[in-house]
Amino acid sequence: MLYLAENLKSLRKGKDLTQEEISEILGVSPQSVSKWERGETFPDITLLPALANLYKVSVDALIGMDKINDWQTRTAIFTTAHKHWRNGDINSAIDVFSDALKTFPNDEGIMSDLAMALALCDDTDKLSQAVALCERVLSGSQGDKVHHTTRAALCFIYLKVSERDKAIAAARKLPHLRESREMILTQMEKDLSADEINSYLKFIAIGENDEQDVIEVDFGIDMVAVCTEYDLLGKIEALRVEVGAPKTTEGFRVLPQIRIRDKVELAPYQVRVRRYADYLLDKTFDNQLNAANEIIEVLRSIVQG
């Protein structure tokens, strides 16, 4: 990561000096100067001020700190590592992040991504390193984005090392659904009235709104269904009956991979029906009846399809 070798070579040539002349000035062998410029070895730290004075640059410039701190350099680290990651070469991604961390020991973004890469391995030592890196990131002062991502990852890393209580505790520190990027951006796309803005502000502050949604159903990892007219068991049975879900041999009606949670905090008027990453319904409604009817039609089409 250091740019010392290429800087020594270019600065020497800029001064029109030979490696032998540099070796005489510094009192070292020409072979040593040659190895410095090839990046095989580094000058003794006590020689850096002399080299900087010889070429009339700062020690930082000699090492290449301007390039090291350049945002393009940091971006290249993530681009290279993520390319390895996407290609299934997780060990190379780990090597890239580990090497970068030697140069940027306090970069929480690098620490966070390295932790997640290490966590993909089933090696006990690497999992321990991943936990330690996440905890180090969360003890720092970097922006919320890195911390939220790291905490979310740490929940699952704790699960891998059989620390379920810690995983739950970490999950409870994550932002509410009502504060998520996706939820807020959805609202930004609408032409909200002053009353609707006030309602959403109330929703963010205390998790309540004047017109709670009828239902939200997700099929996939985070499946949710809420209906204000029923208790939890009533919601499940009402949905199954309404969509004509088939019965199992035990007499239970089947609704595709649905899990229903009570008292889920939803945005005002917003209704979403999703199967995995595909939104089958994502709109607002004026009243509960219209919302319920349209959601039931979507569920019926899934069951019958």
C-alpha atoms as a PDB file:
ATOM      1  CA  MET A   1       0.000   0.000   0.000  1.00  0.00           C
ATOM      2  CA  LEU A   2       2.965   2.334   0.550  1.00  0.00           C
ATOM      3  CA  TYR A   3       4.102   4.313  -2.486  1.00  0.00           C
ATOM      4  CA  LEU A   4       7.662   4.703  -1.208  1.00  0.00           C
ATOM      5  CA  ALA A   5       9.353   2.550  -3.867  1.00  0.00           C
ATOM      6  CA  GLU A   6       7.870   4.314  -6.887  1.00  0.00           C
ATOM      7  CA  ASN A   7       8.355   7.730  -5.259  1.00  0.00           C
ATOM      8  CA  LEU A   8      12.049   7.056  -4.548  1.00  0.00           C
ATOM      9  CA  LYS A   9      12.599   6.039  -8.148  1.00  0.00           C
ATOM     10  CA  SER A  10      10.708   8.968  -9.706  1.00  0.00           C
ATOM     11  CA  LEU A  11      12.250  11.552  -7.349  1.00  0.00           C
ATOM     12  CA  ARG A  12      15.775  10.259  -8.031  1.00  0.00           C
ATOM     13  CA  LYS A  13      15.230  10.449 -11.778  1.00  0.00           C
ATOM     14  CA  GLY A  14      13.718  13.903 -11.362  1.00  0.00           C
ATOM     15  CA  LYS A  15      16.968  15.023  -9.742  1.00  0.00           C
ATOM     16  CA  ASP A  16      18.956  13.271 -12.520  1.00  0.00           C
ATOM     17  CA  LEU A  17      20.853  11.181  -9.971  1.00  0.00           C
ATOM     18  CA  THR A  18      22.032   7.568 -10.237  1.00  0.00           C
ATOM     19  CA  GLN A  19      21.498   4.873  -7.632  1.00  0.00           C
ATOM     20  CA  GLU A  20      25.259   4.892  -7.013  1.00  0.00           C
ATOM     21  CA  GLU A  21      25.195   8.636  -6.289  1.00  0.00           C
ATOM     22  CA  ILE A  22      22.318   8.191  -3.833  1.00  0.00           C
ATOM     23  CA  SER A  23      24.171   5.367  -2.102  1.00  0.00           C
ATOM     24  CA  GLU A  24      27.271   7.572  -1.693  1.00  0.00           C
ATOM     25  CA  ILE A  25      25.242  10.467  -0.264  1.00  0.00           C
ATOM     26  CA  LEU A  26      23.460   8.261   2.273  1.00  0.00           C
ATOM     27  CA  GLY A  27      26.339   5.914   3.024  1.00  0.00           C
ATOM     28  CA  VAL A  28      24.565   2.748   1.964  1.00  0.00           C
ATOM     29  CA  SER A  29      25.247   0.192  -0.769  1.00  0.00           C
ATOM     30  CA  PRO A  30      23.896   0.682  -4.332  1.00  0.00           C
ATOM     31  CA  GLN A  31      22.175  -2.688  -3.920  1.00  0.00           C
ATOM     32  CA  SER A  32      20.170  -1.281  -1.006  1.00  0.00           C
ATOM     33  CA  VAL A  33      18.991   1.675  -3.083  1.00  0.00           C
ATOM     34  CA  SER A  34      18.046  -0.687  -5.901  1.00  0.00           C
ATOM     35  CA  LYS A  35      16.006  -2.884  -3.534  1.00  0.00           C
ATOM     36  CA  TRP A  36      14.212   0.173  -2.133  1.00  0.00           C
ATOM     37  CA  GLU A  37      13.125   1.228  -5.595  1.00  0.00           C
ATOM     38  CA  ARG A  38      11.936  -2.287  -6.447  1.00  0.00           C
ATOM     39  CA  GLY A  39       9.948  -2.463  -3.226  1.00  0.00           C
ATOM     40  CA  GLU A  40      11.866  -5.489  -1.969  1.00  0.00           C
ATOM     41  CA  THR A  41      13.054  -3.724   1.193  1.00  0.00           C
ATOM     42  CA  PHE A  42      12.493  -0.361   2.876  1.00  0.00           C
ATOM     43  CA  PRO A  43      15.012   2.258   4.001  1.00  0.00           C
ATOM     44  CA  ASP A  44      15.755   2.367   7.698  1.00  0.00           C
ATOM     45  CA  ILE A  45      13.329   4.783   9.366  1.00  0.00           C
ATOM     46  CA  THR A  46      16.262   7.001  10.394  1.00  0.00           C
ATOM     47  CA  LEU A  47      17.026   7.572   6.689  1.00  0.00           C
ATOM     48  CA  LEU A  48      13.577   8.932   5.800  1.00  0.00           C
ATOM     49  CA  PRO A  49      14.318  12.541   6.942  1.00  0.00           C
ATOM     50  CA  ALA A  50      17.555  12.515   4.944  1.00  0.00           C
ATOM     51  CA  LEU A  51      15.784  11.211   1.825  1.00  0.00           C
ATOM     52  CA  ALA A  52      12.999  13.779   2.257  1.00  0.00           C
ATOM     53  CA  ASN A  53      15.543  16.604   2.580  1.00  0.00           C
ATOM     54  CA  LEU A  54      17.538  15.303  -0.382  1.00  0.00           C
ATOM     55  CA  TYR A  55      14.472  15.426  -2.636  1.00  0.00           C
ATOM     56  CA  LYS A  56      13.004  18.525  -0.916  1.00  0.00           C
ATOM     57  CA  VAL A  57       9.704  16.892  -0.022  1.00  0.00           C
ATOM     58  CA  SER A  58       8.008  16.007   3.259  1.00  0.00           C
ATOM     59  CA  VAL A  59       8.270  12.522   4.733  1.00  0.00           C
ATOM     60  CA  ASP A  60       4.502  12.159   4.157  1.00  0.00           C
ATOM     61  CA  ALA A  61       4.953  12.975   0.470  1.00  0.00           C
ATOM     62  CA  LEU A  62       7.904  10.581   0.262  1.00  0.00           C
ATOM     63  CA  ILE A  63       5.784   7.713   1.636  1.00  0.00           C
ATOM     64  CA  GLY A  64       2.825   8.728  -0.506  1.00  0.00           C
ATOM     65  CA  MET A  65       0.323   9.694   2.167  1.00  0.00           C
ATOM     66  CA  ASP A  66      -1.459  11.965  -0.304  1.00  0.00           C
ATOM     67  CA  LYS A  67      -2.237   8.935  -2.494  1.00  0.00           C
ATOM     68  CA  ILE A  68      -2.970   6.686   0.467  1.00  0.00           C
ATOM     69  CA  ASN A  69      -5.576   9.099   1.808  1.00  0.00           C
ATOM     70  CA  ASP A  70      -7.107   9.745  -1.599  1.00  0.00           C
ATOM     71  CA  TRP A  71     -10.752   8.577  -1.752  1.00  0.00           C
ATOM     72  CA  GLN A  72     -10.074   6.767  -5.027  1.00  0.00           C
ATOM     73  CA  THR A  73      -7.506   4.607  -3.267  1.00  0.00           C
ATOM     74  CA  ARG A  74     -10.012   3.639  -0.589  1.00  0.00           C
ATOM     75  CA  THR A  75     -12.723   3.032  -3.158  1.00  0.00           C
ATOM     76  CA  ALA A  76     -10.383   0.735  -5.086  1.00  0.00           C
ATOM     77  CA  ILE A  77      -9.923  -1.393  -1.969  1.00  0.00           C
ATOM     78  CA  PHE A  78     -13.658  -2.092  -1.660  1.00  0.00           C
ATOM     79  CA  THR A  79     -14.072  -2.540  -5.430  1.00  0.00           C
ATOM     80  CA  THR A  80     -11.295  -5.133  -5.603  1.00  0.00           C
ATOM     81  CA  ALA A  81     -12.376  -7.011  -2.480  1.00  0.00           C
ATOM     82  CA  HIS A  82     -16.053  -7.051  -3.452  1.00  0.00           C
ATOM     83  CA  LYS A  83     -15.142  -8.382  -6.909  1.00  0.00           C
ATOM     84  CA  HIS A  84     -13.360 -11.321  -5.273  1.00  0.00           C
ATOM     85  CA  TRP A  85     -16.361 -11.749  -2.972  1.00  0.00           C
ATOM     86  CA  ARG A  86     -18.875 -11.866  -5.828  1.00  0.00           C
ATOM     87  CA  ASN A  87     -16.683 -14.380  -7.650  1.00  0.00           C
ATOM     88  CA  GLY A  88     -16.774 -16.662  -4.627  1.00  0.00           C
ATOM     89  CA  ASP A  89     -13.115 -16.092  -3.682  1.00  0.00           C
ATOM     90  CA  ILE A  90     -13.720 -15.033  -0.097  1.00  0.00           C
ATOM     91  CA  ASN A  91     -10.099 -15.711   0.954  1.00  0.00           C
ATOM     92  CA  SER A  92      -8.785 -13.163  -1.565  1.00  0.00           C
ATOM     93  CA  ALA A  93     -11.328 -10.630  -0.320  1.00  0.00           C
ATOM     94  CA  ILE A  94     -10.115 -11.233   3.234  1.00  0.00           C
ATOM     95  CA  ASP A  95      -6.499 -10.736   2.089  1.00  0.00           C
ATOM     96  CA  VAL A  96      -7.370  -7.400   0.415  1.00  0.00           C
ATOM     97  CA  PHE A  97      -9.178  -6.072   3.492  1.00  0.00           C
ATOM     98  CA  SER A  98      -6.506  -7.377   5.881  1.00  0.00           C
ATOM     99  CA  ASP A  99      -3.746  -5.710   3.880  1.00  0.00           C
ATOM    100  CA  ALA A 100      -5.726  -2.458   3.693  1.00  0.00           C
ATOM    101  CA  LEU A 101      -6.273  -2.486   7.441  1.00  0.00           C
ATOM    102  CA  LYS A 102      -2.505  -2.342   7.967  1.00  0.00           C
ATOM    103  CA  THR A 103      -2.493   1.019   6.181  1.00  0.00           C
ATOM    104  CA  PHE A 104      -5.850   2.237   7.504  1.00  0.00           C
ATOM    105  CA  PRO A 105      -5.949   0.726  11.023  1.00  0.00           C
ATOM    106  CA  ASN A 106      -8.858   2.922  12.135  1.00  0.00           C
ATOM    107  CA  ASP A 107     -11.052   2.677   9.034  1.00  0.00           C
ATOM    108  CA  GLU A 108     -14.326   1.303  10.356  1.00  0.00           C
ATOM    109  CA  GLY A 109     -15.685   0.580   6.886  1.00  0.00           C
ATOM    110  CA  ILE A 110     -12.754  -1.739   6.139  1.00  0.00           C
ATOM    111  CA  MET A 111     -13.074  -3.354   9.571  1.00  0.00           C
ATOM    112  CA  SER A 112     -16.792  -3.922   9.059  1.00  0.00           C
ATOM    113  CA  ASP A 113     -16.414  -5.533   5.638  1.00  0.00           C
ATOM    114  CA  LEU A 114     -13.468  -7.635   6.798  1.00  0.00           C
ATOM    115  CA  ALA A 115     -15.559  -8.880   9.713  1.00  0.00           C
ATOM    116  CA  MET A 116     -18.383  -9.947   7.400  1.00  0.00           C
ATOM    117  CA  ALA A 117     -15.926 -11.687   5.070  1.00  0.00           C
ATOM    118  CA  LEU A 118     -14.321 -13.550   7.970  1.00  0.00           C
ATOM    119  CA  ALA A 119     -17.761 -14.522   9.262  1.00  0.00           C
ATOM    120  CA  LEU A 120     -18.456 -16.445   6.056  1.00  0.00           C
ATOM    121  CA  CYS A 121     -15.755 -18.905   7.068  1.00  0.00           C
ATOM    122  CA  ASP A 122     -16.550 -21.692   9.509  1.00  0.00           C
ATOM    123  CA  ASP A 123     -13.178 -21.355  11.186  1.00  0.00           C
ATOM    124  CA  THR A 124     -13.476 -20.651  14.925  1.00  0.00           C
ATOM    125  CA  ASP A 125     -10.532 -18.236  14.984  1.00  0.00           C
ATOM    126  CA  LYS A 126     -11.886 -16.251  12.035  1.00  0.00           C
ATOM    127  CA  LEU A 127     -15.326 -16.037  13.636  1.00  0.00           C
ATOM    128  CA  SER A 128     -13.701 -14.728  16.826  1.00  0.00           C
ATOM    129  CA  GLN A 129     -11.807 -12.140  14.759  1.00  0.00           C
ATOM    130  CA  ALA A 130     -15.086 -11.130  13.094  1.00  0.00           C
ATOM    131  CA  VAL A 131     -16.781 -10.583  16.442  1.00  0.00           C
ATOM    132  CA  ALA A 132     -13.819  -8.569  17.754  1.00  0.00           C
ATOM    133  CA  LEU A 133     -13.770  -6.354  14.639  1.00  0.00           C
ATOM    134  CA  CYS A 134     -17.519  -5.668  14.843  1.00  0.00           C
ATOM    135  CA  GLU A 135     -17.290  -4.806  18.518  1.00  0.00           C
ATOM    136  CA  ARG A 136     -14.343  -2.518  17.759  1.00  0.00           C
ATOM    137  CA  VAL A 137     -16.352  -0.723  15.059  1.00  0.00           C
ATOM    138  CA  LEU A 138     -19.337  -0.268  17.376  1.00  0.00           C
ATOM    139  CA  SER A 139     -17.079   1.222  20.070  1.00  0.00           C
ATOM    140  CA  GLY A 140     -15.913   3.896  17.614  1.00  0.00           C
ATOM    141  CA  SER A 141     -17.455   7.151  16.484  1.00  0.00           C
ATOM    142  CA  GLN A 142     -17.974   6.612  12.743  1.00  0.00           C
ATOM    143  CA  GLY A 143     -21.304   7.531  11.118  1.00  0.00           C
ATOM    144  CA  ASP A 144     -24.532   5.662  11.761  1.00  0.00           C
ATOM    145  CA  LYS A 145     -24.526   3.892   8.382  1.00  0.00           C
ATOM    146  CA  VAL A 146     -21.420   1.837   9.176  1.00  0.00           C
ATOM    147  CA  HIS A 147     -22.629   1.151  12.699  1.00  0.00           C
ATOM    148  CA  HIS A 148     -26.090  -0.032  11.608  1.00  0.00           C
ATOM    149  CA  THR A 149     -24.603  -2.329   8.957  1.00  0.00           C
ATOM    150  CA  THR A 150     -22.048  -3.705  11.407  1.00  0.00           C
ATOM    151  CA  ARG A 151     -24.606  -4.266  14.164  1.00  0.00           C
ATOM    152  CA  ALA A 152     -26.935  -6.070  11.754  1.00  0.00           C
ATOM    153  CA  ALA A 153     -24.065  -8.334  10.673  1.00  0.00           C
ATOM    154  CA  LEU A 154     -23.000  -8.893  14.272  1.00  0.00           C
ATOM    155  CA  CYS A 155     -26.453 -10.292  15.106  1.00  0.00           C
ATOM    156  CA  PHE A 156     -25.861 -13.187  12.711  1.00  0.00           C
ATOM    157  CA  ILE A 157     -22.184 -13.590  13.607  1.00  0.00           C
ATOM    158  CA  TYR A 158     -23.207 -14.004  17.256  1.00  0.00           C
ATOM    159  CA  LEU A 159     -25.634 -16.711  16.127  1.00  0.00           C
ATOM    160  CA  LYS A 160     -22.805 -18.537  14.340  1.00  0.00           C
ATOM    161  CA  VAL A 161     -20.762 -18.604  17.556  1.00  0.00           C
ATOM    162  CA  SER A 162     -23.808 -19.702  19.620  1.00  0.00           C
ATOM    163  CA  GLU A 163     -24.208 -16.347  21.410  1.00  0.00           C
ATOM    164  CA  ARG A 164     -27.970 -16.043  20.925  1.00  0.00           C
ATOM    165  CA  ASP A 165     -28.554 -13.674  23.850  1.00  0.00           C
ATOM    166  CA  LYS A 166     -25.934 -11.272  22.486  1.00  0.00           C
ATOM    167  CA  ALA A 167     -27.502 -11.562  19.013  1.00  0.00           C
ATOM    168  CA  ILE A 168     -30.905 -10.567  20.376  1.00  0.00           C
ATOM    169  CA  ALA A 169     -29.412  -7.711  22.402  1.00  0.00           C
ATOM    170  CA  ALA A 170     -27.625  -6.393  19.289  1.00  0.00           C
ATOM    171  CA  ALA A 171     -30.795  -6.683  17.189  1.00  0.00           C
ATOM    172  CA  ARG A 172     -32.743  -4.629  19.696  1.00  0.00           C
ATOM    173  CA  LYS A 173     -30.351  -1.726  19.115  1.00  0.00           C
ATOM    174  CA  LEU A 174     -31.101  -1.609  15.366  1.00  0.00           C
ATOM    175  CA  PRO A 175     -33.332   1.178  13.974  1.00  0.00           C
ATOM    176  CA  HIS A 176     -37.108   0.770  13.889  1.00  0.00           C
ATOM    177  CA  LEU A 177     -38.810  -0.127  10.614  1.00  0.00           C
ATOM    178  CA  ARG A 178     -40.384   3.331  10.618  1.00  0.00           C
ATOM    179  CA  GLU A 179     -36.910   4.913  10.442  1.00  0.00           C
ATOM    180  CA  SER A 180     -35.606   2.787   7.567  1.00  0.00           C
ATOM    181  CA  ARG A 181     -34.291   4.245   4.312  1.00  0.00           C
ATOM    182  CA  GLU A 182     -36.802   2.280   2.231  1.00  0.00           C
ATOM    183  CA  MET A 183     -39.754   3.447   4.301  1.00  0.00           C
ATOM    184  CA  ILE A 184     -38.759   7.122   4.243  1.00  0.00           C
ATOM    185  CA  LEU A 185     -37.910   7.164   0.512  1.00  0.00           C
ATOM    186  CA  THR A 186     -41.311   5.632  -0.256  1.00  0.00           C
ATOM    187  CA  GLN A 187     -42.946   8.569   1.511  1.00  0.00           C
ATOM    188  CA  MET A 188     -40.684  11.080  -0.254  1.00  0.00           C
ATOM    189  CA  GLU A 189     -42.091   9.925  -3.606  1.00  0.00           C
ATOM    190  CA  LYS A 190     -45.597  11.021  -2.612  1.00  0.00           C
ATOM    191  CA  ASP A 191     -47.205  14.443  -2.666  1.00  0.00           C
ATOM    192  CA  LEU A 192     -47.813  14.547   1.078  1.00  0.00           C
ATOM    193  CA  SER A 193     -50.233  17.012   2.635  1.00  0.00           C
ATOM    194  CA  ALA A 194     -49.367  18.885   5.828  1.00  0.00           C
ATOM    195  CA  ASP A 195     -51.648  16.539   7.798  1.00  0.00           C
ATOM    196  CA  GLU A 196     -49.963  13.472   6.317  1.00  0.00           C
ATOM    197  CA  ILE A 197     -46.525  14.887   7.171  1.00  0.00           C
ATOM    198  CA  ASN A 198     -47.674  15.550  10.731  1.00  0.00           C
ATOM    199  CA  SER A 199     -49.058  12.039  10.940  1.00  0.00           C
ATOM    200  CA  TYR A 200     -45.750  10.569   9.804  1.00  0.00           C
ATOM    201  CA  LEU A 201     -43.798  12.721  12.270  1.00  0.00           C
ATOM    202  CA  LYS A 202     -46.017  11.324  15.020  1.00  0.00           C
ATOM    203  CA  PHE A 203     -45.419   7.847  13.640  1.00  0.00           C
ATOM    204  CA  ILE A 204     -41.612   8.309  13.785  1.00  0.00           C
ATOM    205  CA  ALA A 205     -41.713   9.818  17.261  1.00  0.00           C
ATOM    206  CA  ILE A 206     -43.984   7.381  19.078  1.00  0.00           C
ATOM    207  CA  GLY A 207     -44.792   4.589  16.637  1.00  0.00           C
ATOM    208  CA  GLU A 208     -48.442   5.543  16.242  1.00  0.00           C
ATOM    209  CA  ASN A 209     -50.591   7.027  13.523  1.00  0.00           C
ATOM    210  CA  ASP A 210     -54.215   7.995  13.142  1.00  0.00           C
ATOM    211  CA  GLU A 211     -55.025   5.589  10.302  1.00  0.00           C
ATOM    212  CA  GLN A 212     -53.142   2.351  10.855  1.00  0.00           C
ATOM    213  CA  ASP A 213     -52.808   0.122   7.803  1.00  0.00           C
ATOM    214  CA  VAL A 214     -55.057  -2.866   7.469  1.00  0.00           C
ATOM    215  CA  ILE A 215     -52.498  -5.441   6.505  1.00  0.00           C
ATOM    216  CA  GLU A 216     -48.957  -6.027   5.348  1.00  0.00           C
ATOM    217  CA  VAL A 217     -47.898  -9.397   3.993  1.00  0.00           C
ATOM    218  CA  ASP A 218     -44.377 -10.360   3.008  1.00  0.00           C
ATOM    219  CA  PHE A 219     -43.501 -13.752   1.567  1.00  0.00           C
ATOM    220  CA  GLY A 220     -39.873 -14.572   2.141  1.00  0.00           C
ATOM    221  CA  ILE A 221     -37.398 -13.824   4.890  1.00  0.00           C
ATOM    222  CA  ASP A 222     -39.383 -11.044   6.620  1.00  0.00           C
ATOM    223  CA  MET A 223     -43.007 -12.085   6.167  1.00  0.00           C
ATOM    224  CA  VAL A 224     -45.520  -9.900   7.962  1.00  0.00           C
ATOM    225  CA  ALA A 225     -49.293  -9.633   8.053  1.00  0.00           C
ATOM    226  CA  VAL A 226     -51.314  -7.236  10.184  1.00  0.00           C
ATOM    227  CA  CYS A 227     -55.056  -6.732  10.277  1.00  0.00           C
ATOM    228  CA  THR A 228     -56.553  -4.476  12.942  1.00  0.00           C
ATOM    229  CA  GLU A 229     -59.944  -6.226  13.151  1.00  0.00           C
ATOM    230  CA  TYR A 230     -58.636  -9.550  14.495  1.00  0.00           C
ATOM    231  CA  ASP A 231     -56.398 -10.861  17.221  1.00  0.00           C
ATOM    232  CA  LEU A 232     -53.331 -12.781  16.067  1.00  0.00           C
ATOM    233  CA  LEU A 233     -54.983 -16.206  15.675  1.00  0.00           C
ATOM    234  CA  GLY A 234     -58.021 -14.585  14.108  1.00  0.00           C
ATOM    235  CA  LYS A 235     -55.867 -12.885  11.486  1.00  0.00           C
ATOM    236  CA  ILE A 236     -54.279 -16.156  10.463  1.00  0.00           C
ATOM    237  CA  GLU A 237     -57.564 -18.023  10.107  1.00  0.00           C
ATOM    238  CA  ALA A 238     -59.373 -15.119   8.428  1.00  0.00           C
ATOM    239  CA  LEU A 239     -56.668 -14.825   5.783  1.00  0.00           C
ATOM    240  CA  ARG A 240     -56.640 -18.553   5.111  1.00  0.00           C
ATOM    241  CA  VAL A 241     -60.415 -18.774   4.796  1.00  0.00           C
ATOM    242  CA  GLU A 242     -60.700 -15.646   2.636  1.00  0.00           C
ATOM    243  CA  VAL A 243     -58.184 -16.803   0.054  1.00  0.00           C
ATOM    244  CA  GLY A 244     -59.523 -20.349  -0.059  1.00  0.00           C
ATOM    245  CA  ALA A 245     -56.253 -21.862   1.025  1.00  0.00           C
ATOM    246  CA  PRO A 246     -56.186 -25.668   0.727  1.00  0.00           C
ATOM    247  CA  LYS A 247     -56.226 -27.837   3.841  1.00  0.00           C
ATOM    248  CA  THR A 248     -53.537 -30.250   4.956  1.00  0.00           C
ATOM    249  CA  THR A 249     -54.266 -33.823   6.055  1.00  0.00           C
ATOM    250  CA  GLU A 250     -54.422 -32.478   9.604  1.00  0.00           C
ATOM    251  CA  GLY A 251     -57.155 -30.038   8.586  1.00  0.00           C
ATOM    252  CA  PHE A 252     -55.053 -26.864   8.706  1.00  0.00           C
ATOM    253  CA  ARG A 253     -55.356 -24.372   5.871  1.00  0.00           C
ATOM    254  CA  VAL A 254     -52.104 -23.643   4.055  1.00  0.00           C
ATOM    255  CA  LEU A 255     -51.014 -20.109   3.188  1.00  0.00           C
ATOM    256  CA  PRO A 256     -47.634 -20.057   1.368  1.00  0.00           C
ATOM    257  CA  GLN A 257     -44.850 -19.539   3.894  1.00  0.00           C
ATOM    258  CA  ILE A 258     -46.718 -16.869   5.841  1.00  0.00           C
ATOM    259  CA  ARG A 259     -45.833 -15.719   9.321  1.00  0.00           C
ATOM    260  CA  ILE A 260     -48.005 -13.140  11.067  1.00  0.00           C
ATOM    261  CA  ARG A 261     -46.823 -10.745  13.756  1.00  0.00           C
ATOM    262  CA  ASP A 262     -49.029  -8.572  15.910  1.00  0.00           C
ATOM    263  CA  LYS A 263     -48.669  -4.815  16.394  1.00  0.00           C
ATOM    264  CA  VAL A 264     -46.181  -4.281  13.574  1.00  0.00           C
ATOM    265  CA  GLU A 265     -45.340  -0.611  13.086  1.00  0.00           C
ATOM    266  CA  LEU A 266     -46.427   0.353   9.565  1.00  0.00           C
ATOM    267  CA  ALA A 267     -46.367   3.663   7.755  1.00  0.00           C
ATOM    268  CA  PRO A 268     -49.680   5.582   7.602  1.00  0.00           C
ATOM    269  CA  TYR A 269     -51.953   4.342   4.801  1.00  0.00           C
ATOM    270  CA  GLN A 270     -49.164   2.211   3.338  1.00  0.00           C
ATOM    271  CA  VAL A 271     -49.900  -1.379   2.316  1.00  0.00           C
ATOM    272  CA  ARG A 272     -47.377  -3.779   0.834  1.00  0.00           C
ATOM    273  CA  VAL A 273     -47.688  -7.341  -0.358  1.00  0.00           C
ATOM    274  CA  ARG A 274     -44.399  -8.886  -1.346  1.00  0.00           C
ATOM    275  CA  ARG A 275     -43.199 -12.305  -2.349  1.00  0.00           C
ATOM    276  CA  TYR A 276     -39.444 -12.486  -1.756  1.00  0.00           C
ATOM    277  CA  ALA A 277     -38.035  -9.408  -3.538  1.00  0.00           C
ATOM    278  CA  ASP A 278     -41.035  -8.913  -5.872  1.00  0.00           C
ATOM    279  CA  TYR A 279     -43.689  -6.419  -4.808  1.00  0.00           C
ATOM    280  CA  LEU A 280     -47.109  -7.687  -5.858  1.00  0.00           C
ATOM    281  CA  LEU A 281     -48.890  -4.745  -4.268  1.00  0.00           C
ATOM    282  CA  ASP A 282     -47.372  -1.517  -3.005  1.00  0.00           C
ATOM    283  CA  LYS A 283     -49.794   1.378  -2.689  1.00  0.00           C
ATOM    284  CA  THR A 284     -51.856   3.530  -0.368  1.00  0.00           C
ATOM    285  CA  PHE A 285     -55.592   3.228   0.309  1.00  0.00           C
ATOM    286  CA  ASP A 286     -58.317   5.575   1.453  1.00  0.00           C
ATOM    287  CA  ASN A 287     -60.090   3.008   3.628  1.00  0.00           C
ATOM    288  CA  GLN A 288     -59.557  -0.381   5.218  1.00  0.00           C
ATOM    289  CA  LEU A 289     -62.186  -2.251   3.205  1.00  0.00           C
ATOM    290  CA  ASN A 290     -60.609  -1.419  -0.150  1.00  0.00           C
ATOM    291  CA  ALA A 291     -57.197  -2.392   1.182  1.00  0.00           C
ATOM    292  CA  ALA A 292     -58.423  -5.704   2.576  1.00  0.00           C
ATOM    293  CA  ASN A 293     -60.244  -6.636  -0.636  1.00  0.00           C
ATOM    294  CA  GLU A 294     -57.252  -5.963  -2.872  1.00  0.00           C
ATOM    295  CA  ILE A 295     -54.835  -7.786  -0.566  1.00  0.00           C
ATOM    296  CA  ILE A 296     -57.120 -10.820  -0.449  1.00  0.00           C
ATOM    297  CA  GLU A 297     -57.193 -10.925  -4.260  1.00  0.00           C
ATOM    298  CA  VAL A 298     -53.412 -10.909  -4.362  1.00  0.00           C
ATOM    299  CA  LEU A 299     -53.211 -13.708  -1.796  1.00  0.00           C
ATOM    300  CA  ARG A 300     -55.851 -15.728  -3.644  1.00  0.00           C
ATOM    301  CA  SER A 301     -53.865 -15.468  -6.887  1.00  0.00           C
ATOM    302  CA  ILE A 302     -50.767 -16.791  -5.090  1.00  0.00           C
ATOM    303  CA  VAL A 303     -52.602 -19.739  -3.566  1.00  0.00           C
ATOM    304  CA  GLN A 304     -54.306 -20.628  -6.852  1.00  0.00           C
ATOM    305  CA  GLY A 305     -51.226 -19.977  -8.980  1.00  0.00           C
END
